Amino acid sequence: IEFIRVYADKTHHQKEEELLFKAMLETKDEMANNLVNHGMIVEHNLARLYVWELENALKAYQKEPTVKLKLAIVTNTMSYVYLLRRHIDKENRVAYPYGERLLSKEVIEKLNEQAKNYMK
């Protein structure tokens, strides 16, 4: 859970939200708005929900190890895994290529530099 929150969410998803998605939204492109706000951000928030539910199930299971809580642990873990697999595919096949076509070379270079220094 800590790895997911620190790396996947804070380092990766927040960086996308604060840098790439922000730049894409600033273009006022309708398709970028739909992709970011109704696709990528929704999936980031859904991933956060699965992790939150997983953490709650783990804490509850430590107090009272029931089959129901074990099922909640497995369900939320696998829901996160399946979501992340689809999300990565969408990033690679849709979001990043669209961003590369939408944004100027200068903006992309600036984003790459900001990404390198993100969280330093």
PDB file of N, CA and C in Angstrom:
ATOM      1  N   ILE A   1       0.837  -1.196   0.000  1.00  0.00           N
ATOM      2  CA  ILE A   1       0.000   0.000   0.000  1.00  0.00           C
ATOM      3  C   ILE A   1       0.874   1.248   0.000  1.00  0.00           C
ATOM      4  N   GLU A   2       1.930   1.231   0.795  1.00  0.00           N
ATOM      5  CA  GLU A   2       2.818   2.391   0.818  1.00  0.00           C
ATOM      6  C   GLU A   2       3.473   2.593  -0.554  1.00  0.00           C
ATOM      7  N   PHE A   3       3.920   1.502  -1.175  1.00  0.00           N
ATOM      8  CA  PHE A   3       4.531   1.595  -2.503  1.00  0.00           C
ATOM      9  C   PHE A   3       3.532   2.161  -3.507  1.00  0.00           C
ATOM     10  N   ILE A   4       2.316   1.676  -3.475  1.00  0.00           N
ATOM     11  CA  ILE A   4       1.292   2.163  -4.402  1.00  0.00           C
ATOM     12  C   ILE A   4       1.063   3.652  -4.188  1.00  0.00           C
ATOM     13  N   ARG A   5       0.928   4.055  -2.943  1.00  0.00           N
ATOM     14  CA  ARG A   5       0.650   5.468  -2.666  1.00  0.00           C
ATOM     15  C   ARG A   5       1.830   6.378  -2.994  1.00  0.00           C
ATOM     16  N   VAL A   6       3.036   5.936  -2.678  1.00  0.00           N
ATOM     17  CA  VAL A   6       4.198   6.789  -2.914  1.00  0.00           C
ATOM     18  C   VAL A   6       4.616   6.757  -4.382  1.00  0.00           C
ATOM     19  N   TYR A   7       4.743   5.585  -4.960  1.00  0.00           N
ATOM     20  CA  TYR A   7       5.218   5.524  -6.345  1.00  0.00           C
ATOM     21  C   TYR A   7       4.084   5.686  -7.350  1.00  0.00           C
ATOM     22  N   ALA A   8       3.161   4.747  -7.359  1.00  0.00           N
ATOM     23  CA  ALA A   8       2.130   4.749  -8.406  1.00  0.00           C
ATOM     24  C   ALA A   8       1.267   6.002  -8.339  1.00  0.00           C
ATOM     25  N   ASP A   9       0.851   6.378  -7.149  1.00  0.00           N
ATOM     26  CA  ASP A   9      -0.069   7.510  -7.063  1.00  0.00           C
ATOM     27  C   ASP A   9       0.666   8.839  -6.996  1.00  0.00           C
ATOM     28  N   LYS A  10       1.502   9.024  -5.987  1.00  0.00           N
ATOM     29  CA  LYS A  10       2.128  10.331  -5.788  1.00  0.00           C
ATOM     30  C   LYS A  10       3.162  10.644  -6.865  1.00  0.00           C
ATOM     31  N   THR A  11       4.062   9.736  -7.120  1.00  0.00           N
ATOM     32  CA  THR A  11       5.124  10.006  -8.082  1.00  0.00           C
ATOM     33  C   THR A  11       4.615   9.949  -9.520  1.00  0.00           C
ATOM     34  N   HIS A  12       3.763   8.996  -9.841  1.00  0.00           N
ATOM     35  CA  HIS A  12       3.333   8.836 -11.232  1.00  0.00           C
ATOM     36  C   HIS A  12       2.011   9.564 -11.521  1.00  0.00           C
ATOM     37  N   HIS A  13       0.932   9.180 -10.853  1.00  0.00           N
ATOM     38  CA  HIS A  13      -0.371   9.757 -11.172  1.00  0.00           C
ATOM     39  C   HIS A  13      -0.443  11.246 -10.872  1.00  0.00           C
ATOM     40  N   GLN A  14       0.074  11.668  -9.728  1.00  0.00           N
ATOM     41  CA  GLN A  14       0.030  13.101  -9.429  1.00  0.00           C
ATOM     42  C   GLN A  14       0.889  13.896 -10.402  1.00  0.00           C
ATOM     43  N   LYS A  15       2.009  13.314 -10.812  1.00  0.00           N
ATOM     44  CA  LYS A  15       2.865  13.997 -11.798  1.00  0.00           C
ATOM     45  C   LYS A  15       2.099  14.163 -13.108  1.00  0.00           C
ATOM     46  N   GLU A  16       1.399  13.126 -13.536  1.00  0.00           N
ATOM     47  CA  GLU A  16       0.580  13.245 -14.746  1.00  0.00           C
ATOM     48  C   GLU A  16      -0.473  14.340 -14.579  1.00  0.00           C
ATOM     49  N   GLU A  17      -1.165  14.321 -13.440  1.00  0.00           N
ATOM     50  CA  GLU A  17      -2.246  15.271 -13.204  1.00  0.00           C
ATOM     51  C   GLU A  17      -1.734  16.707 -13.161  1.00  0.00           C
ATOM     52  N   GLU A  18      -0.621  16.930 -12.482  1.00  0.00           N
ATOM     53  CA  GLU A  18      -0.107  18.288 -12.294  1.00  0.00           C
ATOM     54  C   GLU A  18       0.671  18.817 -13.499  1.00  0.00           C
ATOM     55  N   LEU A  19       1.221  17.936 -14.303  1.00  0.00           N
ATOM     56  CA  LEU A  19       2.029  18.378 -15.437  1.00  0.00           C
ATOM     57  C   LEU A  19       1.334  18.100 -16.773  1.00  0.00           C
ATOM     58  N   LEU A  20       1.318  16.838 -17.181  1.00  0.00           N
ATOM     59  CA  LEU A  20       0.813  16.495 -18.512  1.00  0.00           C
ATOM     60  C   LEU A  20      -0.662  16.836 -18.681  1.00  0.00           C
ATOM     61  N   PHE A  21      -1.504  16.351 -17.774  1.00  0.00           N
ATOM     62  CA  PHE A  21      -2.938  16.576 -17.936  1.00  0.00           C
ATOM     63  C   PHE A  21      -3.273  18.063 -17.866  1.00  0.00           C
ATOM     64  N   LYS A  22      -2.604  18.783 -16.987  1.00  0.00           N
ATOM     65  CA  LYS A  22      -2.823  20.228 -16.883  1.00  0.00           C
ATOM     66  C   LYS A  22      -2.495  20.899 -18.217  1.00  0.00           C
ATOM     67  N   ALA A  23      -1.360  20.540 -18.810  1.00  0.00           N
ATOM     68  CA  ALA A  23      -0.972  21.112 -20.106  1.00  0.00           C
ATOM     69  C   ALA A  23      -1.981  20.746 -21.193  1.00  0.00           C
ATOM     70  N   MET A  24      -2.449  19.521 -21.180  1.00  0.00           N
ATOM     71  CA  MET A  24      -3.427  19.094 -22.179  1.00  0.00           C
ATOM     72  C   MET A  24      -4.732  19.872 -22.026  1.00  0.00           C
ATOM     73  N   LEU A  25      -5.168  20.083 -20.775  1.00  0.00           N
ATOM     74  CA  LEU A  25      -6.413  20.813 -20.528  1.00  0.00           C
ATOM     75  C   LEU A  25      -6.292  22.290 -20.899  1.00  0.00           C
ATOM     76  N   GLU A  26      -5.110  22.850 -20.755  1.00  0.00           N
ATOM     77  CA  GLU A  26      -4.898  24.258 -21.094  1.00  0.00           C
ATOM     78  C   GLU A  26      -5.076  24.533 -22.584  1.00  0.00           C
ATOM     79  N   THR A  27      -5.016  23.498 -23.418  1.00  0.00           N
ATOM     80  CA  THR A  27      -5.219  23.682 -24.860  1.00  0.00           C
ATOM     81  C   THR A  27      -6.689  23.915 -25.191  1.00  0.00           C
ATOM     82  N   LYS A  28      -7.575  23.619 -24.247  1.00  0.00           N
ATOM     83  CA  LYS A  28      -9.027  23.745 -24.444  1.00  0.00           C
ATOM     84  C   LYS A  28      -9.542  22.792 -25.519  1.00  0.00           C
ATOM     85  N   ASP A  29      -8.798  21.733 -25.779  1.00  0.00           N
ATOM     86  CA  ASP A  29      -9.196  20.726 -26.756  1.00  0.00           C
ATOM     87  C   ASP A  29     -10.265  19.835 -26.126  1.00  0.00           C
ATOM     88  N   GLU A  30     -11.401  19.702 -26.794  1.00  0.00           N
ATOM     89  CA  GLU A  30     -12.527  18.942 -26.232  1.00  0.00           C
ATOM     90  C   GLU A  30     -12.185  17.472 -26.002  1.00  0.00           C
ATOM     91  N   MET A  31     -11.479  16.867 -26.962  1.00  0.00           N
ATOM     92  CA  MET A  31     -11.121  15.460 -26.811  1.00  0.00           C
ATOM     93  C   MET A  31     -10.136  15.271 -25.652  1.00  0.00           C
ATOM     94  N   ALA A  32      -9.201  16.200 -25.489  1.00  0.00           N
ATOM     95  CA  ALA A  32      -8.262  16.128 -24.363  1.00  0.00           C
ATOM     96  C   ALA A  32      -9.021  16.251 -23.049  1.00  0.00           C
ATOM     97  N   ASN A  33     -10.000  17.152 -23.012  1.00  0.00           N
ATOM     98  CA  ASN A  33     -10.815  17.307 -21.807  1.00  0.00           C
ATOM     99  C   ASN A  33     -11.529  16.005 -21.467  1.00  0.00           C
ATOM    100  N   ASN A  34     -12.132  15.375 -22.464  1.00  0.00           N
ATOM    101  CA  ASN A  34     -12.834  14.109 -22.226  1.00  0.00           C
ATOM    102  C   ASN A  34     -11.875  13.010 -21.785  1.00  0.00           C
ATOM    103  N   LEU A  35     -10.746  12.905 -22.461  1.00  0.00           N
ATOM    104  CA  LEU A  35      -9.757  11.876 -22.131  1.00  0.00           C
ATOM    105  C   LEU A  35      -9.239  12.056 -20.710  1.00  0.00           C
ATOM    106  N   VAL A  36      -8.906  13.277 -20.352  1.00  0.00           N
ATOM    107  CA  VAL A  36      -8.338  13.541 -19.030  1.00  0.00           C
ATOM    108  C   VAL A  36      -9.402  13.442 -17.946  1.00  0.00           C
ATOM    109  N   ASN A  37     -10.466  14.223 -18.075  1.00  0.00           N
ATOM    110  CA  ASN A  37     -11.442  14.340 -16.984  1.00  0.00           C
ATOM    111  C   ASN A  37     -12.426  13.187 -16.873  1.00  0.00           C
ATOM    112  N   HIS A  38     -12.707  12.541 -17.978  1.00  0.00           N
ATOM    113  CA  HIS A  38     -13.694  11.456 -17.947  1.00  0.00           C
ATOM    114  C   HIS A  38     -13.060  10.085 -18.151  1.00  0.00           C
ATOM    115  N   GLY A  39     -11.751  10.056 -18.244  1.00  0.00           N
ATOM    116  CA  GLY A  39     -11.039   8.794 -18.423  1.00  0.00           C
ATOM    117  C   GLY A  39      -9.921   8.642 -17.411  1.00  0.00           C
ATOM    118  N   MET A  40      -8.837   9.352 -17.640  1.00  0.00           N
ATOM    119  CA  MET A  40      -7.625   9.145 -16.844  1.00  0.00           C
ATOM    120  C   MET A  40      -7.816   9.520 -15.373  1.00  0.00           C
ATOM    121  N   ILE A  41      -8.404  10.682 -15.102  1.00  0.00           N
ATOM    122  CA  ILE A  41      -8.603  11.108 -13.712  1.00  0.00           C
ATOM    123  C   ILE A  41      -9.590  10.180 -13.000  1.00  0.00           C
ATOM    124  N   VAL A  42     -10.619   9.762 -13.689  1.00  0.00           N
ATOM    125  CA  VAL A  42     -11.585   8.830 -13.098  1.00  0.00           C
ATOM    126  C   VAL A  42     -10.878   7.544 -12.692  1.00  0.00           C
ATOM    127  N   GLU A  43      -9.999   7.047 -13.553  1.00  0.00           N
ATOM    128  CA  GLU A  43      -9.275   5.812 -13.234  1.00  0.00           C
ATOM    129  C   GLU A  43      -8.285   6.028 -12.089  1.00  0.00           C
ATOM    130  N   HIS A  44      -7.640   7.195 -12.031  1.00  0.00           N
ATOM    131  CA  HIS A  44      -6.749   7.484 -10.897  1.00  0.00           C
ATOM    132  C   HIS A  44      -7.544   7.451  -9.594  1.00  0.00           C
ATOM    133  N   ASN A  45      -8.711   8.071  -9.611  1.00  0.00           N
ATOM    134  CA  ASN A  45      -9.532   8.095  -8.392  1.00  0.00           C
ATOM    135  C   ASN A  45     -10.084   6.717  -8.039  1.00  0.00           C
ATOM    136  N   LEU A  46     -10.416   5.938  -9.033  1.00  0.00           N
ATOM    137  CA  LEU A  46     -10.877   4.576  -8.779  1.00  0.00           C
ATOM    138  C   LEU A  46      -9.746   3.740  -8.171  1.00  0.00           C
ATOM    139  N   ALA A  47      -8.537   3.912  -8.675  1.00  0.00           N
ATOM    140  CA  ALA A  47      -7.381   3.214  -8.104  1.00  0.00           C
ATOM    141  C   ALA A  47      -7.197   3.614  -6.643  1.00  0.00           C
ATOM    142  N   ARG A  48      -7.330   4.907  -6.349  1.00  0.00           N
ATOM    143  CA  ARG A  48      -7.212   5.383  -4.964  1.00  0.00           C
ATOM    144  C   ARG A  48      -8.290   4.757  -4.075  1.00  0.00           C
ATOM    145  N   LEU A  49      -9.485   4.605  -4.618  1.00  0.00           N
ATOM    146  CA  LEU A  49     -10.570   3.978  -3.869  1.00  0.00           C
ATOM    147  C   LEU A  49     -10.251   2.525  -3.554  1.00  0.00           C
ATOM    148  N   TYR A  50      -9.760   1.766  -4.550  1.00  0.00           N
ATOM    149  CA  TYR A  50      -9.413   0.365  -4.308  1.00  0.00           C
ATOM    150  C   TYR A  50      -8.334   0.237  -3.237  1.00  0.00           C
ATOM    151  N   VAL A  51      -7.358   1.114  -3.251  1.00  0.00           N
ATOM    152  CA  VAL A  51      -6.281   1.065  -2.259  1.00  0.00           C
ATOM    153  C   VAL A  51      -6.826   1.413  -0.872  1.00  0.00           C
ATOM    154  N   TRP A  52      -7.689   2.408  -0.808  1.00  0.00           N
ATOM    155  CA  TRP A  52      -8.310   2.787   0.466  1.00  0.00           C
ATOM    156  C   TRP A  52      -9.139   1.629   1.017  1.00  0.00           C
ATOM    157  N   GLU A  53      -9.936   0.993   0.156  1.00  0.00           N
ATOM    158  CA  GLU A  53     -10.752  -0.158   0.576  1.00  0.00           C
ATOM    159  C   GLU A  53      -9.870  -1.329   0.993  1.00  0.00           C
ATOM    160  N   LEU A  54      -8.782  -1.562   0.279  1.00  0.00           N
ATOM    161  CA  LEU A  54      -7.837  -2.622   0.627  1.00  0.00           C
ATOM    162  C   LEU A  54      -7.238  -2.368   2.007  1.00  0.00           C
ATOM    163  N   GLU A  55      -6.798  -1.151   2.239  1.00  0.00           N
ATOM    164  CA  GLU A  55      -6.213  -0.816   3.540  1.00  0.00           C
ATOM    165  C   GLU A  55      -7.222  -1.026   4.676  1.00  0.00           C
ATOM    166  N   ASN A  56      -8.447  -0.605   4.468  1.00  0.00           N
ATOM    167  CA  ASN A  56      -9.482  -0.797   5.493  1.00  0.00           C
ATOM    168  C   ASN A  56      -9.746  -2.278   5.741  1.00  0.00           C
ATOM    169  N   ALA A  57      -9.790  -3.061   4.683  1.00  0.00           N
ATOM    170  CA  ALA A  57     -10.023  -4.500   4.829  1.00  0.00           C
ATOM    171  C   ALA A  57      -8.867  -5.166   5.569  1.00  0.00           C
ATOM    172  N   LEU A  58      -7.641  -4.773   5.261  1.00  0.00           N
ATOM    173  CA  LEU A  58      -6.472  -5.332   5.952  1.00  0.00           C
ATOM    174  C   LEU A  58      -6.482  -5.000   7.443  1.00  0.00           C
ATOM    175  N   LYS A  59      -6.797  -3.761   7.761  1.00  0.00           N
ATOM    176  CA  LYS A  59      -6.862  -3.354   9.170  1.00  0.00           C
ATOM    177  C   LYS A  59      -7.950  -4.130   9.908  1.00  0.00           C
ATOM    178  N   ALA A  60      -9.089  -4.262   9.272  1.00  0.00           N
ATOM    179  CA  ALA A  60     -10.196  -4.991   9.895  1.00  0.00           C
ATOM    180  C   ALA A  60      -9.850  -6.468  10.047  1.00  0.00           C
ATOM    181  N   TYR A  61      -9.173  -7.031   9.040  1.00  0.00           N
ATOM    182  CA  TYR A  61      -8.796  -8.444   9.087  1.00  0.00           C
ATOM    183  C   TYR A  61      -7.811  -8.715  10.221  1.00  0.00           C
ATOM    184  N   GLN A  62      -6.924  -7.772  10.489  1.00  0.00           N
ATOM    185  CA  GLN A  62      -5.975  -7.941  11.596  1.00  0.00           C
ATOM    186  C   GLN A  62      -6.708  -8.017  12.935  1.00  0.00           C
ATOM    187  N   LYS A  63      -7.815  -7.328  13.058  1.00  0.00           N
ATOM    188  CA  LYS A  63      -8.602  -7.346  14.297  1.00  0.00           C
ATOM    189  C   LYS A  63      -9.507  -8.569  14.365  1.00  0.00           C
ATOM    190  N   GLU A  64     -10.058  -8.933  13.218  1.00  0.00           N
ATOM    191  CA  GLU A  64     -10.998 -10.063  13.166  1.00  0.00           C
ATOM    192  C   GLU A  64     -10.854 -10.769  11.819  1.00  0.00           C
ATOM    193  N   PRO A  65     -10.035 -11.811  11.745  1.00  0.00           N
ATOM    194  CA  PRO A  65      -9.773 -12.495  10.468  1.00  0.00           C
ATOM    195  C   PRO A  65     -10.946 -13.361  10.008  1.00  0.00           C
ATOM    196  N   THR A  66     -11.838 -12.737   9.243  1.00  0.00           N
ATOM    197  CA  THR A  66     -12.997 -13.463   8.729  1.00  0.00           C
ATOM    198  C   THR A  66     -12.813 -13.753   7.241  1.00  0.00           C
ATOM    199  N   VAL A  67     -13.595 -14.688   6.755  1.00  0.00           N
ATOM    200  CA  VAL A  67     -13.576 -15.018   5.334  1.00  0.00           C
ATOM    201  C   VAL A  67     -14.059 -13.821   4.515  1.00  0.00           C
ATOM    202  N   LYS A  68     -15.054 -13.114   5.012  1.00  0.00           N
ATOM    203  CA  LYS A  68     -15.593 -11.941   4.317  1.00  0.00           C
ATOM    204  C   LYS A  68     -14.509 -10.879   4.129  1.00  0.00           C
ATOM    205  N   LEU A  69     -13.716 -10.647   5.158  1.00  0.00           N
ATOM    206  CA  LEU A  69     -12.645  -9.654   5.055  1.00  0.00           C
ATOM    207  C   LEU A  69     -11.513 -10.143   4.155  1.00  0.00           C
ATOM    208  N   LYS A  70     -11.236 -11.435   4.204  1.00  0.00           N
ATOM    209  CA  LYS A  70     -10.227 -12.001   3.303  1.00  0.00           C
ATOM    210  C   LYS A  70     -10.665 -11.803   1.851  1.00  0.00           C
ATOM    211  N   LEU A  71     -11.942 -12.030   1.596  1.00  0.00           N
ATOM    212  CA  LEU A  71     -12.491 -11.819   0.256  1.00  0.00           C
ATOM    213  C   LEU A  71     -12.387 -10.341  -0.142  1.00  0.00           C
ATOM    214  N   ALA A  72     -12.630  -9.435   0.779  1.00  0.00           N
ATOM    215  CA  ALA A  72     -12.507  -8.002   0.495  1.00  0.00           C
ATOM    216  C   ALA A  72     -11.066  -7.646   0.140  1.00  0.00           C
ATOM    217  N   ILE A  73     -10.117  -8.248   0.816  1.00  0.00           N
ATOM    218  CA  ILE A  73      -8.690  -8.010   0.522  1.00  0.00           C
ATOM    219  C   ILE A  73      -8.365  -8.470  -0.899  1.00  0.00           C
ATOM    220  N   VAL A  74      -8.753  -9.690  -1.215  1.00  0.00           N
ATOM    221  CA  VAL A  74      -8.468 -10.238  -2.546  1.00  0.00           C
ATOM    222  C   VAL A  74      -9.209  -9.445  -3.630  1.00  0.00           C
ATOM    223  N   THR A  75     -10.459  -9.129  -3.386  1.00  0.00           N
ATOM    224  CA  THR A  75     -11.272  -8.411  -4.373  1.00  0.00           C
ATOM    225  C   THR A  75     -10.684  -7.044  -4.686  1.00  0.00           C
ATOM    226  N   ASN A  76     -10.341  -6.277  -3.662  1.00  0.00           N
ATOM    227  CA  ASN A  76      -9.798  -4.942  -3.902  1.00  0.00           C
ATOM    228  C   ASN A  76      -8.405  -4.992  -4.508  1.00  0.00           C
ATOM    229  N   THR A  77      -7.616  -5.970  -4.116  1.00  0.00           N
ATOM    230  CA  THR A  77      -6.287  -6.120  -4.706  1.00  0.00           C
ATOM    231  C   THR A  77      -6.395  -6.431  -6.194  1.00  0.00           C
ATOM    232  N   MET A  78      -7.221  -7.387  -6.540  1.00  0.00           N
ATOM    233  CA  MET A  78      -7.347  -7.771  -7.951  1.00  0.00           C
ATOM    234  C   MET A  78      -8.054  -6.689  -8.767  1.00  0.00           C
ATOM    235  N   SER A  79      -8.988  -5.980  -8.157  1.00  0.00           N
ATOM    236  CA  SER A  79      -9.631  -4.862  -8.858  1.00  0.00           C
ATOM    237  C   SER A  79      -8.591  -3.804  -9.206  1.00  0.00           C
ATOM    238  N   TYR A  80      -7.686  -3.533  -8.277  1.00  0.00           N
ATOM    239  CA  TYR A  80      -6.603  -2.578  -8.534  1.00  0.00           C
ATOM    240  C   TYR A  80      -5.693  -3.081  -9.659  1.00  0.00           C
ATOM    241  N   VAL A  81      -5.328  -4.356  -9.597  1.00  0.00           N
ATOM    242  CA  VAL A  81      -4.444  -4.941 -10.613  1.00  0.00           C
ATOM    243  C   VAL A  81      -5.079  -4.840 -12.000  1.00  0.00           C
ATOM    244  N   TYR A  82      -6.328  -5.250 -12.130  1.00  0.00           N
ATOM    245  CA  TYR A  82      -6.993  -5.228 -13.435  1.00  0.00           C
ATOM    246  C   TYR A  82      -7.148  -3.795 -13.943  1.00  0.00           C
ATOM    247  N   LEU A  83      -7.502  -2.874 -13.048  1.00  0.00           N
ATOM    248  CA  LEU A  83      -7.621  -1.469 -13.436  1.00  0.00           C
ATOM    249  C   LEU A  83      -6.281  -0.939 -13.918  1.00  0.00           C
ATOM    250  N   LEU A  84      -5.223  -1.224 -13.182  1.00  0.00           N
ATOM    251  CA  LEU A  84      -3.906  -0.710 -13.536  1.00  0.00           C
ATOM    252  C   LEU A  84      -3.435  -1.250 -14.885  1.00  0.00           C
ATOM    253  N   ARG A  85      -3.700  -2.507 -15.156  1.00  0.00           N
ATOM    254  CA  ARG A  85      -3.316  -3.075 -16.460  1.00  0.00           C
ATOM    255  C   ARG A  85      -4.004  -2.343 -17.602  1.00  0.00           C
ATOM    256  N   ARG A  86      -5.312  -2.112 -17.450  1.00  0.00           N
ATOM    257  CA  ARG A  86      -6.058  -1.397 -18.495  1.00  0.00           C
ATOM    258  C   ARG A  86      -5.602   0.056 -18.586  1.00  0.00           C
ATOM    259  N   HIS A  87      -5.334   0.638 -17.435  1.00  0.00           N
ATOM    260  CA  HIS A  87      -4.921   2.042 -17.380  1.00  0.00           C
ATOM    261  C   HIS A  87      -3.571   2.243 -18.079  1.00  0.00           C
ATOM    262  N   ILE A  88      -2.629   1.381 -17.822  1.00  0.00           N
ATOM    263  CA  ILE A  88      -1.311   1.475 -18.456  1.00  0.00           C
ATOM    264  C   ILE A  88      -1.455   1.350 -19.969  1.00  0.00           C
ATOM    265  N   ASP A  89      -2.277   0.425 -20.416  1.00  0.00           N
ATOM    266  CA  ASP A  89      -2.512   0.261 -21.849  1.00  0.00           C
ATOM    267  C   ASP A  89      -3.119   1.539 -22.439  1.00  0.00           C
ATOM    268  N   LYS A  90      -4.065   2.143 -21.730  1.00  0.00           N
ATOM    269  CA  LYS A  90      -4.693   3.379 -22.208  1.00  0.00           C
ATOM    270  C   LYS A  90      -3.677   4.521 -22.245  1.00  0.00           C
ATOM    271  N   GLU A  91      -2.809   4.585 -21.247  1.00  0.00           N
ATOM    272  CA  GLU A  91      -1.754   5.608 -21.259  1.00  0.00           C
ATOM    273  C   GLU A  91      -0.881   5.455 -22.503  1.00  0.00           C
ATOM    274  N   ASN A  92      -0.417   4.231 -22.718  1.00  0.00           N
ATOM    275  CA  ASN A  92       0.534   3.971 -23.794  1.00  0.00           C
ATOM    276  C   ASN A  92      -0.075   4.070 -25.190  1.00  0.00           C
ATOM    277  N   ARG A  93      -1.316   3.656 -25.327  1.00  0.00           N
ATOM    278  CA  ARG A  93      -1.921   3.630 -26.660  1.00  0.00           C
ATOM    279  C   ARG A  93      -2.771   4.856 -26.985  1.00  0.00           C
ATOM    280  N   VAL A  94      -3.237   5.579 -25.949  1.00  0.00           N
ATOM    281  CA  VAL A  94      -4.153   6.698 -26.205  1.00  0.00           C
ATOM    282  C   VAL A  94      -3.637   8.019 -25.618  1.00  0.00           C
ATOM    283  N   ALA A  95      -3.479   8.080 -24.304  1.00  0.00           N
ATOM    284  CA  ALA A  95      -3.192   9.362 -23.641  1.00  0.00           C
ATOM    285  C   ALA A  95      -1.862   9.974 -24.077  1.00  0.00           C
ATOM    286  N   TYR A  96      -0.782   9.213 -23.985  1.00  0.00           N
ATOM    287  CA  TYR A  96       0.525   9.772 -24.349  1.00  0.00           C
ATOM    288  C   TYR A  96       0.626  10.104 -25.833  1.00  0.00           C
ATOM    289  N   PRO A  97       0.202   9.207 -26.737  1.00  0.00           N
ATOM    290  CA  PRO A  97       0.253   9.579 -28.155  1.00  0.00           C
ATOM    291  C   PRO A  97      -0.611  10.815 -28.470  1.00  0.00           C
ATOM    292  N   TYR A  98      -1.777  10.918 -27.819  1.00  0.00           N
ATOM    293  CA  TYR A  98      -2.623  12.082 -28.075  1.00  0.00           C
ATOM    294  C   TYR A  98      -1.943  13.353 -27.559  1.00  0.00           C
ATOM    295  N   GLY A  99      -1.359  13.265 -26.374  1.00  0.00           N
ATOM    296  CA  GLY A  99      -0.638  14.409 -25.831  1.00  0.00           C
ATOM    297  C   GLY A  99       0.514  14.833 -26.729  1.00  0.00           C
ATOM    298  N   GLU A 100       1.219  13.872 -27.298  1.00  0.00           N
ATOM    299  CA  GLU A 100       2.337  14.182 -28.198  1.00  0.00           C
ATOM    300  C   GLU A 100       1.860  14.891 -29.467  1.00  0.00           C
ATOM    301  N   ARG A 101       0.688  14.520 -29.956  1.00  0.00           N
ATOM    302  CA  ARG A 101       0.146  15.177 -31.154  1.00  0.00           C
ATOM    303  C   ARG A 101      -0.429  16.557 -30.808  1.00  0.00           C
ATOM    304  N   LEU A 102      -1.004  16.674 -29.629  1.00  0.00           N
ATOM    305  CA  LEU A 102      -1.702  17.893 -29.226  1.00  0.00           C
ATOM    306  C   LEU A 102      -0.748  19.008 -28.815  1.00  0.00           C
ATOM    307  N   LEU A 103       0.294  18.661 -28.076  1.00  0.00           N
ATOM    308  CA  LEU A 103       1.174  19.665 -27.490  1.00  0.00           C
ATOM    309  C   LEU A 103       2.352  19.993 -28.415  1.00  0.00           C
ATOM    310  N   SER A 104       2.799  21.224 -28.328  1.00  0.00           N
ATOM    311  CA  SER A 104       3.942  21.644 -29.143  1.00  0.00           C
ATOM    312  C   SER A 104       5.220  21.003 -28.622  1.00  0.00           C
ATOM    313  N   LYS A 105       6.249  21.013 -29.481  1.00  0.00           N
ATOM    314  CA  LYS A 105       7.556  20.478 -29.083  1.00  0.00           C
ATOM    315  C   LYS A 105       8.090  21.204 -27.858  1.00  0.00           C
ATOM    316  N   GLU A 106       7.887  22.509 -27.825  1.00  0.00           N
ATOM    317  CA  GLU A 106       8.377  23.321 -26.708  1.00  0.00           C
ATOM    318  C   GLU A 106       7.697  22.930 -25.400  1.00  0.00           C
ATOM    319  N   VAL A 107       6.406  22.731 -25.450  1.00  0.00           N
ATOM    320  CA  VAL A 107       5.664  22.341 -24.244  1.00  0.00           C
ATOM    321  C   VAL A 107       6.111  20.959 -23.794  1.00  0.00           C
ATOM    322  N   ILE A 108       6.283  20.047 -24.721  1.00  0.00           N
ATOM    323  CA  ILE A 108       6.724  18.688 -24.375  1.00  0.00           C
ATOM    324  C   ILE A 108       8.114  18.721 -23.749  1.00  0.00           C
ATOM    325  N   GLU A 109       9.015  19.514 -24.307  1.00  0.00           N
ATOM    326  CA  GLU A 109      10.356  19.635 -23.726  1.00  0.00           C
ATOM    327  C   GLU A 109      10.287  20.197 -22.305  1.00  0.00           C
ATOM    328  N   LYS A 110       9.449  21.208 -22.103  1.00  0.00           N
ATOM    329  CA  LYS A 110       9.268  21.795 -20.770  1.00  0.00           C
ATOM    330  C   LYS A 110       8.701  20.747 -19.797  1.00  0.00           C
ATOM    331  N   LEU A 111       7.715  19.993 -20.242  1.00  0.00           N
ATOM    332  CA  LEU A 111       7.120  18.943 -19.400  1.00  0.00           C
ATOM    333  C   LEU A 111       8.149  17.874 -19.053  1.00  0.00           C
ATOM    334  N   ASN A 112       8.965  17.473 -20.020  1.00  0.00           N
ATOM    335  CA  ASN A 112      10.005  16.476 -19.752  1.00  0.00           C
ATOM    336  C   ASN A 112      10.976  16.974 -18.699  1.00  0.00           C
ATOM    337  N   GLU A 113      11.355  18.240 -18.775  1.00  0.00           N
ATOM    338  CA  GLU A 113      12.265  18.818 -17.782  1.00  0.00           C
ATOM    339  C   GLU A 113      11.598  18.884 -16.404  1.00  0.00           C
ATOM    340  N   GLN A 114      10.340  19.306 -16.366  1.00  0.00           N
ATOM    341  CA  GLN A 114       9.601  19.359 -15.097  1.00  0.00           C
ATOM    342  C   GLN A 114       9.441  17.962 -14.508  1.00  0.00           C
ATOM    343  N   ALA A 115       9.210  16.974 -15.358  1.00  0.00           N
ATOM    344  CA  ALA A 115       9.039  15.597 -14.884  1.00  0.00           C
ATOM    345  C   ALA A 115      10.326  15.072 -14.260  1.00  0.00           C
ATOM    346  N   LYS A 116      11.471  15.431 -14.854  1.00  0.00           N
ATOM    347  CA  LYS A 116      12.748  14.989 -14.304  1.00  0.00           C
ATOM    348  C   LYS A 116      12.980  15.538 -12.891  1.00  0.00           C
ATOM    349  N   ASN A 117      12.505  16.752 -12.673  1.00  0.00           N
ATOM    350  CA  ASN A 117      12.726  17.419 -11.389  1.00  0.00           C
ATOM    351  C   ASN A 117      11.575  17.239 -10.415  1.00  0.00           C
ATOM    352  N   TYR A 118      10.544  16.533 -10.830  1.00  0.00           N
ATOM    353  CA  TYR A 118       9.370  16.346  -9.980  1.00  0.00           C
ATOM    354  C   TYR A 118       9.743  15.542  -8.736  1.00  0.00           C
ATOM    355  N   MET A 119       9.353  16.013  -7.601  1.00  0.00           N
ATOM    356  CA  MET A 119       9.579  15.339  -6.297  1.00  0.00           C
ATOM    357  C   MET A 119      11.041  15.347  -5.867  1.00  0.00           C
ATOM    358  N   LYS A 120      11.868  16.209  -6.419  1.00  0.00           N
ATOM    359  CA  LYS A 120      13.262  16.270  -5.971  1.00  0.00           C
ATOM    360  C   LYS A 120      13.377  17.170  -4.778  1.00  0.00           C
TER     361      LYS A 120
END
